Amino acid sequence: MVKVKEDLKLLSKKFDQVKISWNYMNYTYMSTYPEAKFPEKFKMRDSKKFEGSGPPIIHLQSYHRAMTLLGASEEIMAQMYQQALKENSLIWFLSLEESRICSWEDVAREFMSQYKYNEELEVTRRDLRFLSRTLGKQSIAS
């Protein structure tokens, strides 16, 4: 009888451990929009992922237009946005506090805020190319 009680205690302990690990495997808490559902016959597009360079507004517009054509709601667009990112931009996005990305508008705002320097950098490159051409023409003319 004592052996049975010990076995029962051990079994109970193991069961408690399983319950604890189940809580870690309950992925519902990982989703900002756990109730969001895909439209019928929805198929995620396969497109170029944002790697951290290039104009962020172009990426957002391209993503938004494609997802709208597929019938995705703004909740789905926000939830699936991570699929449009790659490498460091994906790491950045996944590290955002959930409270900062409660809507598609929040996602777009955070993304533009993070990558607005790309637009400034692009202007600088254009300016440098123009300047180098201008200086090159002046030295040839002299």
Foldseek 3Di string as FASTA:
>chain_A
DVVVVVVVVVVVVVVVVVVVVVVVVPCCVVFLCSPADADPPQDDDDDAADEQADQLVVLLVVLVVVCVVSVGDFSVSLRCVLVRHDDPVSVVVSPDDSVQRNTSVSVSVVSCVVRVVNVVVVVVVVVVVVVVVVVVVVVVVD
